[in-house]
Every structure is written in structure tokens, then in C-alpha cells.
PDB file of N, CA and C in Angstrom:
ATOM      1  N   MET A   1       0.884  -1.099   0.078  1.00  0.00           N
ATOM      2  CA  MET A   1      -0.053   0.083   0.034  1.00  0.00           C
ATOM      3  C   MET A   1       0.915   1.262   0.018  1.00  0.00           C
ATOM      4  N   LYS A   2       0.734   2.144  -0.907  1.00  0.00           N
ATOM      5  CA  LYS A   2       1.468   3.389  -1.014  1.00  0.00           C
ATOM      6  C   LYS A   2       0.573   4.518  -0.480  1.00  0.00           C
ATOM      7  N   VAL A   3       1.073   5.112   0.469  1.00  0.00           N
ATOM      8  CA  VAL A   3       0.440   6.211   1.315  1.00  0.00           C
ATOM      9  C   VAL A   3       1.291   7.539   1.168  1.00  0.00           C
ATOM     10  N   GLN A   4       0.550   8.747   0.703  1.00  0.00           N
ATOM     11  CA  GLN A   4       1.251   9.791   0.475  1.00  0.00           C
ATOM     12  C   GLN A   4       0.419  11.033   1.299  1.00  0.00           C
ATOM     13  N   VAL A   5       1.068  11.837   2.013  1.00  0.00           N
ATOM     14  CA  VAL A   5       0.495  13.021   2.695  1.00  0.00           C
ATOM     15  C   VAL A   5       0.912  14.262   2.036  1.00  0.00           C
ATOM     16  N   LEU A   6      -0.173  14.968   1.310  1.00  0.00           N
ATOM     17  CA  LEU A   6       0.047  16.184   0.658  1.00  0.00           C
ATOM     18  C   LEU A   6      -0.007  17.349   1.627  1.00  0.00           C
ATOM     19  N   THR A   7       1.095  18.025   1.792  1.00  0.00           N
ATOM     20  CA  THR A   7       1.210  19.066   2.825  1.00  0.00           C
ATOM     21  C   THR A   7       1.470  20.337   2.191  1.00  0.00           C
ATOM     22  N   THR A   8       1.458  21.326   2.965  1.00  0.00           N
ATOM     23  CA  THR A   8       1.973  22.696   2.748  1.00  0.00           C
ATOM     24  C   THR A   8       2.756  23.176   3.957  1.00  0.00           C
ATOM     25  N   SER A   9       3.667  24.112   3.835  1.00  0.00           N
ATOM     26  CA  SER A   9       4.745  24.527   4.995  1.00  0.00           C
ATOM     27  C   SER A   9       3.808  25.061   6.051  1.00  0.00           C
ATOM     28  N   GLY A  10       4.104  24.752   7.164  1.00  0.00           N
ATOM     29  CA  GLY A  10       3.560  25.411   8.343  1.00  0.00           C
ATOM     30  C   GLY A  10       2.159  24.795   8.756  1.00  0.00           C
ATOM     31  N   CYS A  11       1.729  23.649   8.112  1.00  0.00           N
ATOM     32  CA  CYS A  11       0.360  23.200   8.262  1.00  0.00           C
ATOM     33  C   CYS A  11       0.160  22.392   9.478  1.00  0.00           C
ATOM     34  N   SER A  12      -0.330  22.845  10.489  1.00  0.00           N
ATOM     35  CA  SER A  12      -0.579  22.131  11.829  1.00  0.00           C
ATOM     36  C   SER A  12      -1.461  20.855  11.558  1.00  0.00           C
ATOM     37  N   ASN A  13      -2.380  20.921  10.736  1.00  0.00           N
ATOM     38  CA  ASN A  13      -3.212  19.782  10.421  1.00  0.00           C
ATOM     39  C   ASN A  13      -2.511  18.629   9.738  1.00  0.00           C
ATOM     40  N   CYS A  14      -1.602  19.051   8.976  1.00  0.00           N
ATOM     41  CA  CYS A  14      -0.636  17.998   8.232  1.00  0.00           C
ATOM     42  C   CYS A  14       0.092  17.315   9.271  1.00  0.00           C
ATOM     43  N   SER A  15       0.653  18.068  10.358  1.00  0.00           N
ATOM     44  CA  SER A  15       1.459  17.347  11.210  1.00  0.00           C
ATOM     45  C   SER A  15       0.626  16.555  12.139  1.00  0.00           C
ATOM     46  N   ALA A  16      -0.570  16.770  12.423  1.00  0.00           N
ATOM     47  CA  ALA A  16      -1.596  16.008  13.058  1.00  0.00           C
ATOM     48  C   ALA A  16      -1.854  14.672  12.400  1.00  0.00           C
ATOM     49  N   LEU A  17      -2.125  14.793  10.988  1.00  0.00           N
ATOM     50  CA  LEU A  17      -2.346  13.553  10.314  1.00  0.00           C
ATOM     51  C   LEU A  17      -1.092  12.658  10.185  1.00  0.00           C
ATOM     52  N   GLU A  18       0.064  13.255  10.143  1.00  0.00           N
ATOM     53  CA  GLU A  18       1.313  12.311  10.071  1.00  0.00           C
ATOM     54  C   GLU A  18       1.313  11.764  11.504  1.00  0.00           C
ATOM     55  N   LYS A  19       0.957  12.376  12.535  1.00  0.00           N
ATOM     56  CA  LYS A  19       1.077  11.818  14.007  1.00  0.00           C
ATOM     57  C   LYS A  19       0.121  10.606  13.904  1.00  0.00           C
ATOM     58  N   MET A  20      -1.071  10.643  13.516  1.00  0.00           N
ATOM     59  CA  MET A  20      -2.214   9.695  13.355  1.00  0.00           C
ATOM     60  C   MET A  20      -1.590   8.511  12.576  1.00  0.00           C
ATOM     61  N   LEU A  21      -0.859   8.728  11.508  1.00  0.00           N
ATOM     62  CA  LEU A  21      -0.386   7.615  10.665  1.00  0.00           C
ATOM     63  C   LEU A  21       0.667   6.982  11.523  1.00  0.00           C
ATOM     64  N   ASP A  22       1.675   7.669  12.187  1.00  0.00           N
ATOM     65  CA  ASP A  22       2.724   7.255  12.844  1.00  0.00           C
ATOM     66  C   ASP A  22       2.016   6.313  14.110  1.00  0.00           C
ATOM     67  N   GLU A  23       1.118   6.737  14.692  1.00  0.00           N
ATOM     68  CA  GLU A  23       0.459   5.855  15.762  1.00  0.00           C
ATOM     69  C   GLU A  23      -0.131   4.634  15.175  1.00  0.00           C
ATOM     70  N   LEU A  24      -0.414   4.748  13.987  1.00  0.00           N
ATOM     71  CA  LEU A  24      -1.089   3.401  13.284  1.00  0.00           C
ATOM     72  C   LEU A  24       0.056   2.604  12.659  1.00  0.00           C
ATOM     73  N   ASN A  25       1.310   3.040  12.773  1.00  0.00           N
ATOM     74  CA  ASN A  25       2.466   2.386  12.150  1.00  0.00           C
ATOM     75  C   ASN A  25       2.193   2.216  10.593  1.00  0.00           C
ATOM     76  N   VAL A  26       1.787   3.274   9.964  1.00  0.00           N
ATOM     77  CA  VAL A  26       1.722   3.293   8.582  1.00  0.00           C
ATOM     78  C   VAL A  26       2.804   4.020   8.113  1.00  0.00           C
ATOM     79  N   LYS A  27       3.513   3.462   7.005  1.00  0.00           N
ATOM     80  CA  LYS A  27       4.599   4.004   6.229  1.00  0.00           C
ATOM     81  C   LYS A  27       3.900   4.978   5.196  1.00  0.00           C
ATOM     82  N   TYR A  28       4.585   6.162   5.173  1.00  0.00           N
ATOM     83  CA  TYR A  28       3.998   7.106   4.173  1.00  0.00           C
ATOM     84  C   TYR A  28       5.161   8.192   3.752  1.00  0.00           C
ATOM     85  N   GLU A  29       4.779   8.900   2.682  1.00  0.00           N
ATOM     86  CA  GLU A  29       5.639   9.793   2.041  1.00  0.00           C
ATOM     87  C   GLU A  29       5.066  11.137   2.181  1.00  0.00           C
ATOM     88  N   THR A  30       5.863  12.162   2.608  1.00  0.00           N
ATOM     89  CA  THR A  30       5.338  13.484   2.884  1.00  0.00           C
ATOM     90  C   THR A  30       5.622  14.196   1.538  1.00  0.00           C
ATOM     91  N   ILE A  31       4.634  14.934   0.936  1.00  0.00           N
ATOM     92  CA  ILE A  31       4.908  15.797  -0.301  1.00  0.00           C
ATOM     93  C   ILE A  31       4.512  17.073  -0.128  1.00  0.00           C
ATOM     94  N   ASP A  32       5.436  18.155  -0.077  1.00  0.00           N
ATOM     95  CA  ASP A  32       4.860  19.596   0.011  1.00  0.00           C
ATOM     96  C   ASP A  32       4.523  19.992  -1.253  1.00  0.00           C
ATOM     97  N   VAL A  33       3.290  20.336  -1.416  1.00  0.00           N
ATOM     98  CA  VAL A  33       2.610  20.668  -2.736  1.00  0.00           C
ATOM     99  C   VAL A  33       3.102  22.070  -3.285  1.00  0.00           C
ATOM    100  N   THR A  34       3.659  22.904  -2.246  1.00  0.00           N
ATOM    101  CA  THR A  34       4.235  24.160  -2.754  1.00  0.00           C
ATOM    102  C   THR A  34       5.492  24.036  -3.589  1.00  0.00           C
ATOM    103  N   GLU A  35       6.194  22.903  -3.132  1.00  0.00           N
ATOM    104  CA  GLU A  35       7.537  22.459  -3.880  1.00  0.00           C
ATOM    105  C   GLU A  35       7.222  21.576  -5.158  1.00  0.00           C
ATOM    106  N   HIS A  36       6.163  20.853  -5.014  1.00  0.00           N
ATOM    107  CA  HIS A  36       5.792  19.925  -6.089  1.00  0.00           C
ATOM    108  C   HIS A  36       4.239  20.184  -6.479  1.00  0.00           C
ATOM    109  N   PRO A  37       4.048  21.332  -7.200  1.00  0.00           N
ATOM    110  CA  PRO A  37       2.832  21.713  -7.594  1.00  0.00           C
ATOM    111  C   PRO A  37       2.107  20.659  -8.734  1.00  0.00           C
ATOM    112  N   GLU A  38       2.805  19.906  -9.246  1.00  0.00           N
ATOM    113  CA  GLU A  38       2.198  18.973 -10.164  1.00  0.00           C
ATOM    114  C   GLU A  38       1.263  18.026  -9.425  1.00  0.00           C
ATOM    115  N   TYR A  39       1.452  17.842  -8.165  1.00  0.00           N
ATOM    116  CA  TYR A  39       0.571  16.879  -7.414  1.00  0.00           C
ATOM    117  C   TYR A  39      -0.778  17.534  -7.219  1.00  0.00           C
ATOM    118  N   LEU A  40      -0.921  18.885  -7.148  1.00  0.00           N
ATOM    119  CA  LEU A  40      -2.282  19.537  -7.172  1.00  0.00           C
ATOM    120  C   LEU A  40      -2.990  19.372  -8.473  1.00  0.00           C
ATOM    121  N   GLU A  41      -2.217  19.175  -9.631  1.00  0.00           N
ATOM    122  CA  GLU A  41      -2.949  18.890 -10.846  1.00  0.00           C
ATOM    123  C   GLU A  41      -3.481  17.509 -10.852  1.00  0.00           C
ATOM    124  N   LYS A  42      -2.773  16.731 -10.144  1.00  0.00           N
ATOM    125  CA  LYS A  42      -3.294  15.227 -10.197  1.00  0.00           C
ATOM    126  C   LYS A  42      -4.422  14.994  -9.147  1.00  0.00           C
ATOM    127  N   TYR A  43      -4.177  15.730  -8.021  1.00  0.00           N
ATOM    128  CA  TYR A  43      -5.067  15.571  -6.842  1.00  0.00           C
ATOM    129  C   TYR A  43      -5.328  17.034  -6.362  1.00  0.00           C
ATOM    130  N   PRO A  44      -6.555  17.495  -6.818  1.00  0.00           N
ATOM    131  CA  PRO A  44      -6.948  18.908  -6.601  1.00  0.00           C
ATOM    132  C   PRO A  44      -7.387  18.936  -5.103  1.00  0.00           C
ATOM    133  N   ILE A  45      -6.603  19.197  -4.201  1.00  0.00           N
ATOM    134  CA  ILE A  45      -7.100  19.511  -2.832  1.00  0.00           C
ATOM    135  C   ILE A  45      -7.193  21.012  -2.616  1.00  0.00           C
ATOM    136  N   PHE A  46      -8.121  21.412  -1.872  1.00  0.00           N
ATOM    137  CA  PHE A  46      -8.539  22.873  -1.507  1.00  0.00           C
ATOM    138  C   PHE A  46      -8.239  23.099  -0.049  1.00  0.00           C
ATOM    139  N   THR A  47      -7.838  22.079   0.759  1.00  0.00           N
ATOM    140  CA  THR A  47      -7.542  22.140   1.988  1.00  0.00           C
ATOM    141  C   THR A  47      -6.554  21.053   2.414  1.00  0.00           C
ATOM    142  N   ALA A  48      -5.448  21.412   3.068  1.00  0.00           N
ATOM    143  CA  ALA A  48      -4.328  20.541   3.448  1.00  0.00           C
ATOM    144  C   ALA A  48      -4.617  20.040   4.874  1.00  0.00           C
ATOM    145  N   PRO A  49      -4.169  18.756   5.064  1.00  0.00           N
ATOM    146  CA  PRO A  49      -3.485  17.891   4.205  1.00  0.00           C
ATOM    147  C   PRO A  49      -4.436  17.034   3.265  1.00  0.00           C
ATOM    148  N   GLY A  50      -3.894  16.341   2.232  1.00  0.00           N
ATOM    149  CA  GLY A  50      -4.496  15.477   1.384  1.00  0.00           C
ATOM    150  C   GLY A  50      -4.093  14.109   1.632  1.00  0.00           C
ATOM    151  N   LEU A  51      -4.656  13.082   1.822  1.00  0.00           N
ATOM    152  CA  LEU A  51      -4.167  11.790   2.001  1.00  0.00           C
ATOM    153  C   LEU A  51      -4.508  10.862   0.839  1.00  0.00           C
ATOM    154  N   VAL A  52      -3.450  10.521   0.180  1.00  0.00           N
ATOM    155  CA  VAL A  52      -3.540   9.708  -1.035  1.00  0.00           C
ATOM    156  C   VAL A  52      -3.121   8.232  -0.681  1.00  0.00           C
ATOM    157  N   ILE A  53      -3.953   7.337  -1.109  1.00  0.00           N
ATOM    158  CA  ILE A  53      -3.616   6.019  -0.863  1.00  0.00           C
ATOM    159  C   ILE A  53      -3.705   5.260  -2.285  1.00  0.00           C
ATOM    160  N   ASN A  54      -2.553   4.610  -2.529  1.00  0.00           N
ATOM    161  CA  ASN A  54      -2.722   3.903  -3.835  1.00  0.00           C
ATOM    162  C   ASN A  54      -3.075   4.675  -4.950  1.00  0.00           C
ATOM    163  N   GLU A  55      -2.564   5.854  -4.986  1.00  0.00           N
ATOM    164  CA  GLU A  55      -2.630   6.972  -5.999  1.00  0.00           C
ATOM    165  C   GLU A  55      -4.081   7.402  -6.173  1.00  0.00           C
ATOM    166  N   LYS A  56      -4.934   7.354  -5.021  1.00  0.00           N
ATOM    167  CA  LYS A  56      -6.365   7.866  -5.094  1.00  0.00           C
ATOM    168  C   LYS A  56      -6.396   8.841  -3.911  1.00  0.00           C
ATOM    169  N   LEU A  57      -6.895   9.936  -4.084  1.00  0.00           N
ATOM    170  CA  LEU A  57      -7.169  10.882  -3.033  1.00  0.00           C
ATOM    171  C   LEU A  57      -8.445  10.265  -2.093  1.00  0.00           C
ATOM    172  N   GLU A  58      -8.071  10.070  -1.042  1.00  0.00           N
ATOM    173  CA  GLU A  58      -9.016   9.467  -0.022  1.00  0.00           C
ATOM    174  C   GLU A  58      -9.498  10.376   0.936  1.00  0.00           C
ATOM    175  N   PHE A  59      -8.771  11.347   1.427  1.00  0.00           N
ATOM    176  CA  PHE A  59      -9.267  12.324   2.434  1.00  0.00           C
ATOM    177  C   PHE A  59      -8.679  13.749   2.203  1.00  0.00           C
ATOM    178  N   THR A  60      -9.340  14.725   2.500  1.00  0.00           N
ATOM    179  CA  THR A  60      -8.827  16.067   2.655  1.00  0.00           C
ATOM    180  C   THR A  60      -9.065  16.519   4.016  1.00  0.00           C
ATOM    181  N   GLY A  61      -8.170  17.383   4.578  1.00  0.00           N
ATOM    182  CA  GLY A  61      -8.287  17.665   5.967  1.00  0.00           C
ATOM    183  C   GLY A  61      -7.874  16.471   6.880  1.00  0.00           C
ATOM    184  N   ILE A  62      -8.227  16.517   8.092  1.00  0.00           N
ATOM    185  CA  ILE A  62      -7.984  15.386   9.130  1.00  0.00           C
ATOM    186  C   ILE A  62      -9.308  14.462   9.198  1.00  0.00           C
ATOM    187  N   PRO A  63      -8.991  13.147   8.788  1.00  0.00           N
ATOM    188  CA  PRO A  63     -10.101  12.241   8.895  1.00  0.00           C
ATOM    189  C   PRO A  63     -10.397  11.781  10.454  1.00  0.00           C
ATOM    190  N   LYS A  64     -11.576  11.382  10.731  1.00  0.00           N
ATOM    191  CA  LYS A  64     -11.743  10.859  12.001  1.00  0.00           C
ATOM    192  C   LYS A  64     -10.982   9.539  12.033  1.00  0.00           C
ATOM    193  N   PRO A  65     -10.353   9.305  13.213  1.00  0.00           N
ATOM    194  CA  PRO A  65      -9.501   8.340  13.456  1.00  0.00           C
ATOM    195  C   PRO A  65     -10.168   6.914  12.918  1.00  0.00           C
ATOM    196  N   ALA A  66     -11.486   6.711  13.456  1.00  0.00           N
ATOM    197  CA  ALA A  66     -12.255   5.505  12.961  1.00  0.00           C
ATOM    198  C   ALA A  66     -12.251   5.367  11.355  1.00  0.00           C
ATOM    199  N   GLU A  67     -12.474   6.388  10.709  1.00  0.00           N
ATOM    200  CA  GLU A  67     -12.747   6.423   9.261  1.00  0.00           C
ATOM    201  C   GLU A  67     -11.435   6.088   8.774  1.00  0.00           C
ATOM    202  N   LEU A  68     -10.372   6.840   9.217  1.00  0.00           N
ATOM    203  CA  LEU A  68      -8.896   6.309   8.654  1.00  0.00           C
ATOM    204  C   LEU A  68      -8.726   4.797   8.816  1.00  0.00           C
ATOM    205  N   GLN A  69      -8.876   4.395  10.043  1.00  0.00           N
ATOM    206  CA  GLN A  69      -8.646   3.011  10.403  1.00  0.00           C
ATOM    207  C   GLN A  69      -9.410   2.072   9.340  1.00  0.00           C
ATOM    208  N   ARG A  70     -10.663   2.398   9.195  1.00  0.00           N
ATOM    209  CA  ARG A  70     -11.531   1.634   8.312  1.00  0.00           C
ATOM    210  C   ARG A  70     -11.073   1.613   6.864  1.00  0.00           C
ATOM    211  N   LYS A  71     -10.549   2.732   6.252  1.00  0.00           N
ATOM    212  CA  LYS A  71     -10.071   2.851   5.092  1.00  0.00           C
ATOM    213  C   LYS A  71      -8.757   1.991   4.859  1.00  0.00           C
ATOM    214  N   LEU A  72      -7.962   2.119   5.851  1.00  0.00           N
ATOM    215  CA  LEU A  72      -6.695   1.401   5.861  1.00  0.00           C
ATOM    216  C   LEU A  72      -6.899  -0.246   5.804  1.00  0.00           C
ATOM    217  N   ASP A  73      -7.856  -0.487   6.750  1.00  0.00           N
ATOM    218  CA  ASP A  73      -8.070  -2.037   6.858  1.00  0.00           C
ATOM    219  C   ASP A  73      -8.741  -2.536   5.396  1.00  0.00           C
ATOM    220  N   GLU A  74      -9.410  -1.655   4.893  1.00  0.00           N
ATOM    221  CA  GLU A  74     -10.136  -1.986   3.636  1.00  0.00           C
ATOM    222  C   GLU A  74      -9.255  -2.132   2.542  1.00  0.00           C
ATOM    223  N   LEU A  75      -8.102  -1.302   2.455  1.00  0.00           N
ATOM    224  CA  LEU A  75      -7.187  -1.354   1.488  1.00  0.00           C
ATOM    225  C   LEU A  75      -5.888  -2.250   1.592  1.00  0.00           C
ATOM    226  N   ARG A  76      -5.949  -2.876   2.843  1.00  0.00           N
ATOM    227  CA  ARG A  76      -4.678  -3.801   3.119  1.00  0.00           C
ATOM    228  C   ARG A  76      -4.910  -5.173   2.564  1.00  0.00           C
TER     229      ARG A  76
END
């Protein structure tokens, strides 16, 4: 499973999502969309963070922990 967190600099919600993923022992890649705007073309997020799983935008903002766990379980 490939997990990517789309972030912007200084985004506290992005840090919160990364902490949730860390607590769930999920390996992920962090991508700052201000440095890599091509990700915004592929995944048009209007609020950060964006959570991409297996090249599909699954969440924007911070998902509820139960929703995140359910989605991860579904895709494993």
C-alpha cells in the first residue's frame, strides 16, 4: 500500500495527520505541494492535508480516526 500525505509548509493539520499515521504504524511519504505543484494537478485539494492511498485521493483535512482505520483496513 502506497500512502502519501500532501502538505503545505507550516500546516498544523498536516502534522496531526502524520502523527495519526505514525501511531497506526503506517509508512508514508510526505509531499509539500508548494514545492511539487504537479501533485495539485493530479490531486486537486482545496485544504491541506490531502491523504493519497494507492494513487487515489481518499481524504482532505483530518479524517476521524475510525474512518482512517476503516479505510486502511479495507485497502490492506
